[in-house]
Protein backbone atom coordinates (compact mmCIF):
# COMPACT_ATOMS: atom_id res chain seq x y z
CA UNK A 1 0.00 0.00 0.00
CA UNK A 2 1.42 3.37 -0.98
CA UNK A 3 1.75 6.32 1.37
CA UNK A 4 -1.05 8.16 -0.45
CA UNK A 5 -3.32 5.14 -0.25
CA UNK A 6 -2.69 4.75 3.48
CA UNK A 7 -3.43 8.43 4.10
CA UNK A 8 -6.55 8.24 1.93
CA UNK A 9 -7.72 5.16 3.84
CA UNK A 10 -7.15 6.90 7.17
CA UNK A 11 -9.24 9.86 5.97
CA UNK A 12 -12.01 7.49 4.86
CA UNK A 13 -12.03 5.75 8.23
CA UNK A 14 -12.18 9.07 10.09
CA UNK A 15 -15.15 10.16 7.97
CA UNK A 16 -16.94 6.84 8.47
CA UNK A 17 -16.40 6.99 12.23
CA UNK A 18 -17.70 10.55 12.34
CA UNK A 19 -20.86 9.44 10.53
CA UNK A 20 -21.30 6.51 12.93
CA UNK A 21 -20.25 8.08 16.24
CA UNK A 22 -20.45 11.83 15.70
CA UNK A 23 -17.67 14.40 15.97
CA UNK A 24 -14.37 12.97 17.20
CA UNK A 25 -13.86 15.61 19.87
CA UNK A 26 -17.27 14.80 21.38
CA UNK A 27 -16.59 11.06 21.36
CA UNK A 28 -13.10 11.50 22.82
CA UNK A 29 -14.48 13.70 25.62
CA UNK A 30 -17.04 11.00 26.44
CA UNK A 31 -14.33 8.31 26.50
CA UNK A 32 -12.15 10.53 28.71
CA UNK A 33 -15.04 10.98 31.14
CA UNK A 34 -15.59 7.22 31.39
CA UNK A 35 -11.87 6.47 31.77
CA UNK A 36 -11.67 9.17 34.45
CA UNK A 37 -14.32 7.35 36.47
CA UNK A 38 -12.62 4.00 35.95
CA UNK A 39 -9.13 5.23 36.83
CA UNK A 40 -10.11 7.67 39.57
CA UNK A 41 -8.32 10.65 38.05
CA UNK A 42 -9.01 13.12 35.31
CA UNK A 43 -8.19 11.82 31.83
CA UNK A 44 -8.11 14.29 28.95
CA UNK A 45 -9.27 13.60 25.40
CA UNK A 46 -5.65 14.08 24.28
CA UNK A 47 -4.59 11.33 26.70
CA UNK A 48 -7.26 9.07 25.21
CA UNK A 49 -5.79 9.66 21.76
CA UNK A 50 -2.24 8.97 22.96
CA UNK A 51 -3.31 5.78 24.74
CA UNK A 52 -5.17 4.57 21.65
CA UNK A 53 -2.05 5.22 19.56
CA UNK A 54 -0.05 3.18 22.11
CA UNK A 55 -2.58 0.33 21.83
CA UNK A 56 -2.28 0.31 18.05
CA UNK A 57 1.55 0.49 18.22
CA UNK A 58 1.55 -2.53 20.53
CA UNK A 59 -0.55 -4.42 18.02
CA UNK A 60 1.80 -3.36 15.23
CA UNK A 61 4.76 -4.62 17.23
CA UNK A 62 3.05 -8.00 17.26
CA UNK A 63 2.18 -7.85 13.54
CA UNK A 64 3.87 -5.01 11.62
CA UNK A 65 1.94 -5.93 8.47
CA UNK A 66 -1.50 -5.31 10.00
CA UNK A 67 -2.76 -2.47 7.82
CA UNK A 68 -5.78 -1.57 9.93
CA UNK A 69 -3.61 -0.84 12.96
CA UNK A 70 -1.31 1.34 10.87
CA UNK A 71 -4.28 3.24 9.46
CA UNK A 72 -5.66 3.66 12.98
CA UNK A 73 -2.36 5.11 14.28
CA UNK A 74 -2.45 7.68 11.47
CA UNK A 75 -6.10 8.45 12.14
CA UNK A 76 -5.62 8.95 15.87
CA UNK A 77 -2.56 11.12 15.25
CA UNK A 78 -4.64 13.28 12.92
CA UNK A 79 -7.22 13.76 15.69
CA UNK A 80 -4.71 14.91 18.30
CA UNK A 81 -4.71 18.59 17.20
CA UNK A 82 -8.51 18.63 17.55
CA UNK A 83 -8.35 17.79 21.24
CA UNK A 84 -5.17 19.52 22.36
CA UNK A 85 -5.96 22.53 24.56
C-alpha atoms as a PDB file:
ATOM      1  CA  UNK A   1       0.000   0.000   0.000  1.00  0.00           C
ATOM      2  CA  UNK A   2       1.418   3.373  -0.980  1.00  0.00           C
ATOM      3  CA  UNK A   3       1.753   6.322   1.371  1.00  0.00           C
ATOM      4  CA  UNK A   4      -1.047   8.159  -0.450  1.00  0.00           C
ATOM      5  CA  UNK A   5      -3.318   5.137  -0.253  1.00  0.00           C
ATOM      6  CA  UNK A   6      -2.685   4.753   3.481  1.00  0.00           C
ATOM      7  CA  UNK A   7      -3.430   8.432   4.099  1.00  0.00           C
ATOM      8  CA  UNK A   8      -6.553   8.235   1.930  1.00  0.00           C
ATOM      9  CA  UNK A   9      -7.723   5.160   3.835  1.00  0.00           C
ATOM     10  CA  UNK A  10      -7.154   6.895   7.174  1.00  0.00           C
ATOM     11  CA  UNK A  11      -9.240   9.860   5.966  1.00  0.00           C
ATOM     12  CA  UNK A  12     -12.010   7.487   4.859  1.00  0.00           C
ATOM     13  CA  UNK A  13     -12.026   5.751   8.233  1.00  0.00           C
ATOM     14  CA  UNK A  14     -12.183   9.071  10.085  1.00  0.00           C
ATOM     15  CA  UNK A  15     -15.149  10.158   7.968  1.00  0.00           C
ATOM     16  CA  UNK A  16     -16.938   6.842   8.469  1.00  0.00           C
ATOM     17  CA  UNK A  17     -16.396   6.985  12.232  1.00  0.00           C
ATOM     18  CA  UNK A  18     -17.697  10.555  12.338  1.00  0.00           C
ATOM     19  CA  UNK A  19     -20.858   9.439  10.535  1.00  0.00           C
ATOM     20  CA  UNK A  20     -21.302   6.513  12.933  1.00  0.00           C
ATOM     21  CA  UNK A  21     -20.248   8.078  16.240  1.00  0.00           C
ATOM     22  CA  UNK A  22     -20.449  11.826  15.697  1.00  0.00           C
ATOM     23  CA  UNK A  23     -17.666  14.403  15.973  1.00  0.00           C
ATOM     24  CA  UNK A  24     -14.367  12.973  17.198  1.00  0.00           C
ATOM     25  CA  UNK A  25     -13.857  15.606  19.875  1.00  0.00           C
ATOM     26  CA  UNK A  26     -17.266  14.804  21.384  1.00  0.00           C
ATOM     27  CA  UNK A  27     -16.588  11.062  21.357  1.00  0.00           C
ATOM     28  CA  UNK A  28     -13.104  11.502  22.821  1.00  0.00           C
ATOM     29  CA  UNK A  29     -14.483  13.703  25.616  1.00  0.00           C
ATOM     30  CA  UNK A  30     -17.038  10.996  26.440  1.00  0.00           C
ATOM     31  CA  UNK A  31     -14.330   8.313  26.500  1.00  0.00           C
ATOM     32  CA  UNK A  32     -12.148  10.533  28.706  1.00  0.00           C
ATOM     33  CA  UNK A  33     -15.040  10.984  31.142  1.00  0.00           C
ATOM     34  CA  UNK A  34     -15.589   7.215  31.394  1.00  0.00           C
ATOM     35  CA  UNK A  35     -11.871   6.475  31.770  1.00  0.00           C
ATOM     36  CA  UNK A  36     -11.673   9.167  34.452  1.00  0.00           C
ATOM     37  CA  UNK A  37     -14.322   7.346  36.466  1.00  0.00           C
ATOM     38  CA  UNK A  38     -12.615   3.998  35.951  1.00  0.00           C
ATOM     39  CA  UNK A  39      -9.132   5.234  36.830  1.00  0.00           C
ATOM     40  CA  UNK A  40     -10.108   7.668  39.571  1.00  0.00           C
ATOM     41  CA  UNK A  41      -8.317  10.645  38.047  1.00  0.00           C
ATOM     42  CA  UNK A  42      -9.010  13.121  35.308  1.00  0.00           C
ATOM     43  CA  UNK A  43      -8.191  11.815  31.834  1.00  0.00           C
ATOM     44  CA  UNK A  44      -8.112  14.289  28.948  1.00  0.00           C
ATOM     45  CA  UNK A  45      -9.272  13.605  25.404  1.00  0.00           C
ATOM     46  CA  UNK A  46      -5.654  14.077  24.277  1.00  0.00           C
ATOM     47  CA  UNK A  47      -4.587  11.329  26.697  1.00  0.00           C
ATOM     48  CA  UNK A  48      -7.262   9.068  25.214  1.00  0.00           C
ATOM     49  CA  UNK A  49      -5.786   9.659  21.760  1.00  0.00           C
ATOM     50  CA  UNK A  50      -2.243   8.971  22.961  1.00  0.00           C
ATOM     51  CA  UNK A  51      -3.313   5.780  24.737  1.00  0.00           C
ATOM     52  CA  UNK A  52      -5.167   4.571  21.652  1.00  0.00           C
ATOM     53  CA  UNK A  53      -2.052   5.216  19.564  1.00  0.00           C
ATOM     54  CA  UNK A  54      -0.055   3.178  22.108  1.00  0.00           C
ATOM     55  CA  UNK A  55      -2.579   0.334  21.832  1.00  0.00           C
ATOM     56  CA  UNK A  56      -2.275   0.307  18.047  1.00  0.00           C
ATOM     57  CA  UNK A  57       1.547   0.493  18.221  1.00  0.00           C
ATOM     58  CA  UNK A  58       1.550  -2.527  20.533  1.00  0.00           C
ATOM     59  CA  UNK A  59      -0.552  -4.424  18.019  1.00  0.00           C
ATOM     60  CA  UNK A  60       1.796  -3.356  15.226  1.00  0.00           C
ATOM     61  CA  UNK A  61       4.759  -4.622  17.234  1.00  0.00           C
ATOM     62  CA  UNK A  62       3.046  -8.001  17.258  1.00  0.00           C
ATOM     63  CA  UNK A  63       2.182  -7.853  13.544  1.00  0.00           C
ATOM     64  CA  UNK A  64       3.866  -5.011  11.625  1.00  0.00           C
ATOM     65  CA  UNK A  65       1.939  -5.934   8.471  1.00  0.00           C
ATOM     66  CA  UNK A  66      -1.498  -5.313   9.995  1.00  0.00           C
ATOM     67  CA  UNK A  67      -2.761  -2.474   7.819  1.00  0.00           C
ATOM     68  CA  UNK A  68      -5.783  -1.574   9.930  1.00  0.00           C
ATOM     69  CA  UNK A  69      -3.612  -0.843  12.963  1.00  0.00           C
ATOM     70  CA  UNK A  70      -1.314   1.335  10.869  1.00  0.00           C
ATOM     71  CA  UNK A  71      -4.279   3.240   9.456  1.00  0.00           C
ATOM     72  CA  UNK A  72      -5.663   3.656  12.985  1.00  0.00           C
ATOM     73  CA  UNK A  73      -2.363   5.114  14.278  1.00  0.00           C
ATOM     74  CA  UNK A  74      -2.445   7.678  11.474  1.00  0.00           C
ATOM     75  CA  UNK A  75      -6.097   8.448  12.138  1.00  0.00           C
ATOM     76  CA  UNK A  76      -5.621   8.949  15.869  1.00  0.00           C
ATOM     77  CA  UNK A  77      -2.559  11.118  15.251  1.00  0.00           C
ATOM     78  CA  UNK A  78      -4.645  13.282  12.917  1.00  0.00           C
ATOM     79  CA  UNK A  79      -7.221  13.758  15.694  1.00  0.00           C
ATOM     80  CA  UNK A  80      -4.712  14.910  18.299  1.00  0.00           C
ATOM     81  CA  UNK A  81      -4.706  18.591  17.196  1.00  0.00           C
ATOM     82  CA  UNK A  82      -8.506  18.629  17.547  1.00  0.00           C
ATOM     83  CA  UNK A  83      -8.350  17.790  21.239  1.00  0.00           C
ATOM     84  CA  UNK A  84      -5.168  19.522  22.362  1.00  0.00           C
ATOM     85  CA  UNK A  85      -5.961  22.528  24.556  1.00  0.00           C
END
